N, C-alpha and C. Protein backbone atom coordinates (compact mmCIF):
# COMPACT_ATOMS: atom_id res chain seq x y z
N MET A 1 0.99 -0.99 0.17
CA MET A 1 -0.10 -0.03 -0.12
C MET A 1 0.84 1.48 0.11
N LYS A 2 0.66 2.16 -0.70
CA LYS A 2 1.39 3.94 -0.76
C LYS A 2 0.52 4.70 -0.17
N ASN A 3 0.82 5.82 0.40
CA ASN A 3 0.00 6.96 0.61
C ASN A 3 0.28 8.12 -0.35
N GLU A 4 -0.39 9.17 0.01
CA GLU A 4 -0.45 10.32 -1.26
C GLU A 4 1.10 10.64 -1.48
N LYS A 5 2.25 10.23 -0.79
CA LYS A 5 3.68 10.65 -1.21
C LYS A 5 4.25 9.71 -1.71
N ASN A 6 3.68 8.40 -1.76
CA ASN A 6 4.48 7.40 -2.61
C ASN A 6 5.35 7.08 -1.72
N GLU A 7 5.27 6.76 -0.30
CA GLU A 7 5.65 5.77 0.72
C GLU A 7 5.23 4.64 0.83
N HIS A 8 6.14 3.63 1.38
CA HIS A 8 5.16 2.21 1.19
C HIS A 8 4.61 2.84 3.22
N VAL A 9 3.47 2.13 3.12
CA VAL A 9 2.94 1.83 4.86
C VAL A 9 2.34 0.89 4.73
N LEU A 10 2.33 -0.03 6.08
CA LEU A 10 1.80 -1.22 6.38
C LEU A 10 0.14 -1.02 6.25
N PRO A 11 -0.45 -2.42 5.91
CA PRO A 11 -2.05 -2.19 5.54
C PRO A 11 -2.33 -2.08 7.34
N THR A 12 -3.65 -1.49 7.51
CA THR A 12 -4.24 -1.34 8.75
C THR A 12 -5.08 -2.16 9.21
N ASN A 13 -5.38 -3.58 8.45
CA ASN A 13 -5.87 -4.55 9.23
C ASN A 13 -5.35 -5.79 9.93
N VAL A 14 -4.00 -5.37 10.32
CA VAL A 14 -3.35 -6.17 11.20
C VAL A 14 -2.79 -5.28 12.31
N ARG A 15 -2.72 -5.13 13.12
CA ARG A 15 -2.29 -4.27 14.08
C ARG A 15 -1.12 -4.57 15.13
N PRO A 16 -0.04 -4.24 15.30
CA PRO A 16 0.72 -5.05 16.70
C PRO A 16 0.18 -4.36 17.98
N ASP A 17 0.39 -5.19 18.79
CA ASP A 17 -0.29 -5.11 19.94
C ASP A 17 1.12 -4.90 21.10
N ARG A 18 2.19 -5.64 20.98
CA ARG A 18 3.01 -5.47 21.74
C ARG A 18 4.69 -6.34 20.91
N TYR A 19 5.41 -5.46 21.56
CA TYR A 19 7.40 -5.93 20.89
C TYR A 19 7.84 -6.64 21.97
N GLU A 20 8.50 -7.64 21.44
CA GLU A 20 9.56 -8.07 22.58
C GLU A 20 10.96 -8.12 21.76
N ILE A 21 11.68 -7.58 21.94
CA ILE A 21 12.76 -7.38 21.22
C ILE A 21 14.49 -7.32 21.82
N ALA A 22 15.44 -8.47 21.45
CA ALA A 22 16.67 -8.77 22.07
C ALA A 22 17.67 -8.76 20.88
N LEU A 23 18.44 -7.80 21.01
CA LEU A 23 19.61 -7.27 20.11
C LEU A 23 20.76 -7.82 20.82
N LYS A 24 21.94 -8.57 19.70
CA LYS A 24 23.23 -8.90 20.09
C LYS A 24 23.68 -7.90 18.93
N PRO A 25 24.61 -6.89 19.44
CA PRO A 25 25.13 -6.20 18.60
C PRO A 25 26.63 -6.83 18.37
N ASN A 26 27.36 -7.05 16.93
CA ASN A 26 28.43 -7.11 16.18
C ASN A 26 29.54 -5.70 16.39
N LEU A 27 30.11 -4.98 17.01
CA LEU A 27 30.51 -4.03 17.30
C LEU A 27 31.81 -3.74 16.07
N GLU A 28 32.49 -5.22 15.41
CA GLU A 28 33.72 -4.99 14.80
C GLU A 28 32.88 -5.01 13.42
N GLY A 29 31.77 -5.77 13.24
CA GLY A 29 31.68 -5.71 11.87
C GLY A 29 30.25 -4.92 11.53
N PHE A 30 29.81 -3.94 12.44
CA PHE A 30 29.04 -3.11 12.13
C PHE A 30 27.55 -3.80 11.78
N THR A 31 27.10 -4.84 12.38
CA THR A 31 25.84 -5.77 12.14
C THR A 31 25.28 -5.83 13.58
N PHE A 32 24.16 -6.75 13.74
CA PHE A 32 23.59 -7.36 14.95
C PHE A 32 22.83 -8.22 14.44
N SER A 33 22.46 -9.57 15.27
CA SER A 33 21.46 -10.14 15.30
C SER A 33 20.70 -10.17 16.25
N GLY A 34 19.66 -10.78 16.24
CA GLY A 34 18.32 -10.59 17.28
C GLY A 34 17.12 -11.55 17.26
N ARG A 35 16.35 -11.35 18.07
CA ARG A 35 15.13 -12.26 17.73
C ARG A 35 13.85 -11.06 18.51
N GLU A 36 12.76 -11.06 17.66
CA GLU A 36 11.94 -10.29 17.78
C GLU A 36 10.20 -11.22 17.96
N CYS A 37 9.93 -10.74 18.94
CA CYS A 37 8.37 -11.47 19.10
C CYS A 37 7.29 -10.02 18.98
N ILE A 38 6.29 -10.27 18.11
CA ILE A 38 5.31 -9.36 17.85
C ILE A 38 3.74 -9.92 17.95
N ASN A 39 3.24 -9.86 18.87
CA ASN A 39 1.68 -9.81 19.29
C ASN A 39 1.11 -9.07 18.57
N ILE A 40 0.29 -9.61 17.47
CA ILE A 40 -0.57 -8.66 17.02
C ILE A 40 -2.31 -8.71 17.06
N GLU A 41 -3.04 -8.14 16.56
CA GLU A 41 -4.35 -8.10 16.45
C GLU A 41 -5.07 -8.27 15.14
N VAL A 42 -5.45 -8.99 14.92
CA VAL A 42 -6.00 -9.34 13.45
C VAL A 42 -7.55 -8.48 13.36
N LEU A 43 -7.82 -7.61 12.51
CA LEU A 43 -9.02 -6.78 12.78
C LEU A 43 -9.87 -7.32 11.44
N GLU A 44 -9.68 -7.76 10.32
CA GLU A 44 -10.55 -8.85 9.42
C GLU A 44 -9.66 -9.53 8.89
N GLU A 45 -10.24 -10.54 8.42
CA GLU A 45 -9.72 -12.10 7.61
C GLU A 45 -8.74 -11.40 6.73
N VAL A 46 -7.58 -12.01 6.74
CA VAL A 46 -6.41 -11.39 5.77
C VAL A 46 -5.79 -12.66 5.00
N LEU A 47 -5.28 -12.71 4.27
CA LEU A 47 -4.38 -13.72 3.40
C LEU A 47 -2.99 -13.88 3.77
N GLU A 48 -2.48 -12.50 3.73
CA GLU A 48 -1.21 -12.26 4.58
C GLU A 48 -1.19 -11.52 5.38
N ILE A 49 0.46 -11.19 6.31
CA ILE A 49 0.69 -10.36 7.30
C ILE A 49 1.63 -9.71 6.96
N VAL A 50 2.28 -8.08 6.64
CA VAL A 50 3.23 -7.72 5.82
C VAL A 50 3.54 -6.79 7.19
N LEU A 51 5.02 -7.19 7.68
CA LEU A 51 5.94 -6.24 8.35
C LEU A 51 6.55 -5.46 7.66
N ASN A 52 7.41 -4.56 8.15
CA ASN A 52 8.63 -3.60 7.76
C ASN A 52 9.82 -4.56 7.98
N ALA A 53 10.57 -5.06 7.18
CA ALA A 53 11.93 -5.58 7.30
C ALA A 53 13.27 -5.10 5.91
N VAL A 54 12.83 -3.66 6.02
CA VAL A 54 14.22 -3.23 5.12
C VAL A 54 15.71 -3.48 5.58
N ASP A 55 16.51 -3.95 4.82
CA ASP A 55 17.76 -4.27 5.00
C ASP A 55 18.19 -5.42 6.07
N LEU A 56 16.92 -6.17 6.31
CA LEU A 56 17.12 -7.25 7.40
C LEU A 56 17.19 -8.61 6.54
N GLU A 57 18.11 -9.66 7.25
CA GLU A 57 18.20 -11.11 6.64
C GLU A 57 17.46 -11.63 8.01
N ILE A 58 16.11 -12.15 7.29
CA ILE A 58 15.07 -12.87 7.98
C ILE A 58 15.38 -14.37 8.14
N LEU A 59 16.07 -14.84 8.99
CA LEU A 59 16.45 -16.42 8.96
C LEU A 59 15.48 -17.22 8.96
N ASP A 60 14.57 -17.18 10.27
CA ASP A 60 13.54 -18.02 10.32
C ASP A 60 12.09 -17.11 11.12
N ALA A 61 11.02 -17.63 10.50
CA ALA A 61 9.94 -16.70 11.04
C ALA A 61 8.75 -17.90 11.42
N LYS A 62 8.00 -17.43 12.83
CA LYS A 62 6.92 -18.82 12.99
C LYS A 62 6.16 -17.91 13.29
N LEU A 63 4.74 -18.45 13.20
CA LEU A 63 3.34 -17.46 13.42
C LEU A 63 2.71 -18.83 14.32
N TYR A 64 1.94 -18.10 15.59
CA TYR A 64 1.47 -19.04 16.72
C TYR A 64 -0.17 -18.54 16.56
N TRP A 65 -1.21 -19.26 16.46
CA TRP A 65 -2.32 -19.15 16.95
C TRP A 65 -2.55 -19.84 18.01
N GLY A 66 -2.37 -19.16 19.20
CA GLY A 66 -2.81 -19.94 20.45
C GLY A 66 -1.32 -20.70 20.37
N LEU A 67 -1.84 -22.01 20.96
CA LEU A 67 -0.76 -22.96 20.89
C LEU A 67 -0.19 -23.58 19.73
N ARG A 68 -0.89 -23.08 18.58
CA ARG A 68 -0.46 -23.95 17.36
C ARG A 68 0.02 -23.21 16.54
N GLU A 69 1.29 -23.97 15.77
CA GLU A 69 2.31 -23.20 15.41
C GLU A 69 2.04 -22.91 13.63
N MET A 70 1.92 -22.12 12.79
CA MET A 70 1.99 -22.49 11.46
C MET A 70 2.97 -21.65 10.93
N ASP A 71 3.09 -22.49 9.47
CA ASP A 71 4.20 -21.72 8.76
C ASP A 71 3.90 -20.13 8.12
N ALA A 72 5.25 -19.48 8.44
CA ALA A 72 5.15 -18.20 8.15
C ALA A 72 5.82 -17.76 7.02
N SER A 73 6.24 -18.47 6.07
CA SER A 73 7.43 -18.14 4.95
C SER A 73 6.18 -17.67 3.92
């Protein structure tokens, strides 16, 4: 989705509720690794969930619905 200024914005049908972030910096390589857990509220039925990830390499992603784990790729 794009707004009037042609900037990318996230859809409004899925809203983040809480973030848990742990980062491990690599000061020599000017990089970092980390882990993030986002609690979301789905406001209407969706086929995909869009997240910001510019210049990030995501190695693994998981989606949980209650105790059930679903494919998040």
